[in-house]
N, C-alpha and C. Protein backbone atom coordinates (compact mmCIF):
# COMPACT_ATOMS: atom_id res chain seq x y z
N UNK A 1 -61.99 7.50 21.34
CA UNK A 1 -61.08 7.64 20.24
C UNK A 1 -61.81 8.15 19.01
N UNK A 2 -61.10 8.86 18.20
CA UNK A 2 -61.67 9.40 16.98
C UNK A 2 -61.90 8.29 15.96
N UNK A 3 -63.04 8.30 15.33
CA UNK A 3 -63.40 7.28 14.36
C UNK A 3 -63.22 7.85 12.95
N UNK A 4 -61.98 7.79 12.43
CA UNK A 4 -61.73 8.24 11.07
C UNK A 4 -61.68 7.02 10.18
N UNK A 5 -62.39 7.08 9.09
CA UNK A 5 -62.54 5.90 8.24
C UNK A 5 -61.35 5.74 7.31
N UNK A 6 -60.88 4.51 7.17
CA UNK A 6 -59.73 4.25 6.29
C UNK A 6 -60.13 4.33 4.84
N UNK A 7 -59.18 4.71 4.03
CA UNK A 7 -59.40 4.63 2.59
C UNK A 7 -58.75 3.35 2.12
N UNK A 8 -59.24 2.84 1.03
CA UNK A 8 -58.68 1.60 0.50
C UNK A 8 -58.34 1.82 -0.96
N UNK A 9 -57.06 2.12 -1.24
CA UNK A 9 -56.67 2.42 -2.61
C UNK A 9 -56.90 1.27 -3.59
N UNK A 10 -56.85 0.02 -3.12
CA UNK A 10 -57.04 -1.12 -4.01
C UNK A 10 -58.41 -1.10 -4.67
N UNK A 11 -59.43 -0.65 -3.95
CA UNK A 11 -60.79 -0.69 -4.47
C UNK A 11 -61.26 0.67 -4.96
N UNK A 12 -60.63 1.73 -4.50
CA UNK A 12 -61.07 3.07 -4.87
C UNK A 12 -62.36 3.47 -4.17
N UNK A 13 -62.78 2.70 -3.16
CA UNK A 13 -64.00 2.99 -2.43
C UNK A 13 -63.69 3.43 -1.01
N UNK A 14 -64.56 4.23 -0.48
CA UNK A 14 -64.44 4.62 0.92
C UNK A 14 -64.83 3.43 1.79
N UNK A 15 -64.45 3.49 3.05
CA UNK A 15 -64.83 2.42 3.97
C UNK A 15 -66.34 2.36 4.11
N UNK A 16 -67.00 3.50 4.11
CA UNK A 16 -68.46 3.52 4.24
C UNK A 16 -69.12 2.72 3.11
N UNK A 17 -68.62 2.88 1.89
CA UNK A 17 -69.17 2.13 0.76
C UNK A 17 -68.84 0.64 0.87
N UNK A 18 -67.62 0.33 1.24
CA UNK A 18 -67.22 -1.08 1.42
C UNK A 18 -68.07 -1.73 2.50
N UNK A 19 -68.24 -1.01 3.60
CA UNK A 19 -69.02 -1.52 4.73
C UNK A 19 -70.46 -1.82 4.29
N UNK A 20 -71.03 -0.92 3.53
CA UNK A 20 -72.38 -1.10 3.02
C UNK A 20 -72.48 -2.35 2.14
N UNK A 21 -71.51 -2.54 1.27
CA UNK A 21 -71.49 -3.71 0.39
C UNK A 21 -71.30 -5.00 1.17
N UNK A 22 -70.43 -4.96 2.18
CA UNK A 22 -70.21 -6.15 3.01
C UNK A 22 -71.48 -6.54 3.75
N UNK A 23 -72.17 -5.55 4.31
CA UNK A 23 -73.41 -5.82 5.05
C UNK A 23 -74.49 -6.39 4.13
N UNK A 24 -74.54 -5.89 2.89
CA UNK A 24 -75.54 -6.39 1.94
C UNK A 24 -75.21 -7.81 1.47
N UNK A 25 -73.93 -8.09 1.29
CA UNK A 25 -73.50 -9.39 0.78
C UNK A 25 -73.49 -10.47 1.86
N UNK A 26 -73.14 -10.07 3.08
CA UNK A 26 -73.02 -11.02 4.19
C UNK A 26 -73.92 -10.56 5.34
N UNK A 27 -75.12 -11.09 5.35
CA UNK A 27 -76.11 -10.66 6.34
C UNK A 27 -75.70 -10.99 7.77
N UNK A 28 -74.73 -11.87 7.93
CA UNK A 28 -74.24 -12.25 9.26
C UNK A 28 -73.46 -11.11 9.92
N UNK A 29 -72.94 -10.18 9.10
CA UNK A 29 -72.15 -9.07 9.64
C UNK A 29 -73.05 -7.98 10.20
N UNK A 30 -72.64 -7.40 11.32
CA UNK A 30 -73.40 -6.31 11.92
C UNK A 30 -72.49 -5.10 12.12
N UNK A 31 -73.06 -4.02 12.62
CA UNK A 31 -72.31 -2.77 12.81
C UNK A 31 -71.08 -2.96 13.67
N UNK A 32 -71.19 -3.73 14.74
CA UNK A 32 -70.04 -3.89 15.63
C UNK A 32 -68.91 -4.67 14.95
N UNK A 33 -69.25 -5.60 14.06
CA UNK A 33 -68.22 -6.31 13.31
C UNK A 33 -67.46 -5.36 12.39
N UNK A 34 -68.14 -4.37 11.88
CA UNK A 34 -67.58 -3.48 10.87
C UNK A 34 -67.15 -2.13 11.42
N UNK A 35 -67.14 -2.02 12.76
CA UNK A 35 -66.73 -0.76 13.38
C UNK A 35 -65.23 -0.55 13.21
N UNK A 36 -64.87 0.59 12.66
CA UNK A 36 -63.46 0.92 12.46
C UNK A 36 -63.00 1.88 13.55
N UNK A 37 -61.94 1.49 14.22
CA UNK A 37 -61.31 2.34 15.23
C UNK A 37 -59.91 2.68 14.73
N UNK A 38 -59.60 3.95 14.76
CA UNK A 38 -58.32 4.43 14.24
C UNK A 38 -57.16 3.61 14.78
N UNK A 39 -56.30 3.15 13.86
CA UNK A 39 -55.13 2.38 14.24
C UNK A 39 -55.40 0.89 14.45
N UNK A 40 -56.65 0.46 14.26
CA UNK A 40 -57.00 -0.94 14.51
C UNK A 40 -57.65 -1.60 13.28
N UNK A 41 -57.24 -1.18 12.11
CA UNK A 41 -57.80 -1.72 10.87
C UNK A 41 -57.56 -3.23 10.77
N UNK A 42 -56.34 -3.67 11.05
CA UNK A 42 -56.03 -5.09 10.94
C UNK A 42 -56.87 -5.93 11.90
N UNK A 43 -57.09 -5.43 13.10
CA UNK A 43 -57.92 -6.15 14.07
C UNK A 43 -59.35 -6.28 13.55
N UNK A 44 -59.86 -5.20 12.95
CA UNK A 44 -61.20 -5.23 12.39
C UNK A 44 -61.26 -6.25 11.25
N UNK A 45 -60.27 -6.22 10.36
CA UNK A 45 -60.23 -7.16 9.24
C UNK A 45 -60.17 -8.60 9.74
N UNK A 46 -59.37 -8.87 10.76
CA UNK A 46 -59.28 -10.21 11.33
C UNK A 46 -60.62 -10.66 11.91
N UNK A 47 -61.31 -9.74 12.55
CA UNK A 47 -62.62 -10.04 13.14
C UNK A 47 -63.62 -10.42 12.04
N UNK A 48 -63.65 -9.66 10.95
CA UNK A 48 -64.56 -9.94 9.84
C UNK A 48 -64.18 -11.26 9.18
N UNK A 49 -62.90 -11.42 8.93
CA UNK A 49 -62.38 -12.64 8.29
C UNK A 49 -62.79 -13.88 9.08
N UNK A 50 -62.63 -13.83 10.38
CA UNK A 50 -62.96 -14.96 11.24
C UNK A 50 -64.46 -15.24 11.21
N UNK A 51 -65.27 -14.20 11.28
CA UNK A 51 -66.71 -14.38 11.29
C UNK A 51 -67.21 -14.98 9.97
N UNK A 52 -66.55 -14.62 8.87
CA UNK A 52 -66.95 -15.14 7.56
C UNK A 52 -66.31 -16.49 7.25
N UNK A 53 -65.37 -16.94 8.08
CA UNK A 53 -64.71 -18.22 7.86
C UNK A 53 -63.80 -18.20 6.64
N UNK A 54 -63.15 -17.07 6.40
CA UNK A 54 -62.26 -16.91 5.25
C UNK A 54 -60.81 -16.95 5.71
N UNK A 55 -59.94 -17.44 4.81
CA UNK A 55 -58.51 -17.33 5.07
C UNK A 55 -58.11 -15.88 4.81
N UNK A 56 -56.92 -15.51 5.22
CA UNK A 56 -56.46 -14.15 4.98
C UNK A 56 -56.41 -13.85 3.48
N UNK A 57 -55.92 -14.80 2.69
CA UNK A 57 -55.85 -14.62 1.23
C UNK A 57 -57.24 -14.48 0.62
N UNK A 58 -58.17 -15.32 1.06
CA UNK A 58 -59.55 -15.24 0.56
C UNK A 58 -60.18 -13.90 0.91
N UNK A 59 -59.94 -13.46 2.13
CA UNK A 59 -60.51 -12.19 2.59
C UNK A 59 -59.93 -11.02 1.79
N UNK A 60 -58.62 -11.01 1.58
CA UNK A 60 -57.99 -9.93 0.83
C UNK A 60 -58.53 -9.88 -0.60
N UNK A 61 -58.67 -11.04 -1.24
CA UNK A 61 -59.22 -11.09 -2.59
C UNK A 61 -60.66 -10.59 -2.61
N UNK A 62 -61.42 -11.00 -1.63
CA UNK A 62 -62.81 -10.57 -1.53
C UNK A 62 -62.91 -9.06 -1.40
N UNK A 63 -62.05 -8.47 -0.57
CA UNK A 63 -62.08 -7.02 -0.38
C UNK A 63 -61.70 -6.28 -1.67
N UNK A 64 -60.79 -6.84 -2.45
CA UNK A 64 -60.38 -6.21 -3.69
C UNK A 64 -61.47 -6.28 -4.75
N UNK A 65 -62.34 -7.27 -4.64
CA UNK A 65 -63.36 -7.47 -5.67
C UNK A 65 -64.76 -7.10 -5.22
N UNK A 66 -64.89 -6.35 -4.16
CA UNK A 66 -66.22 -5.96 -3.67
C UNK A 66 -66.98 -5.27 -4.75
C-alpha cells in the first residue's frame, strides 16, 4: 500500500515532524508504532495511545500541543 503521510491541520505540522517530536518526547515509541498506512490513521493513533497509556482525550490534547 502507498504510504502517504497525513496532514494535521490542528497543529500545522506534517506527520514527519509530529513523528519526530513524538519519538523524542516518548523514547518508548519506535518506527513501527508510528508507521502510517493510508486509511488507517485512527488505528495508528489508537496503537500510540495504548502504548503511552493515555485516554483518547489525553492523546488528542497531547497531539494538539506537540
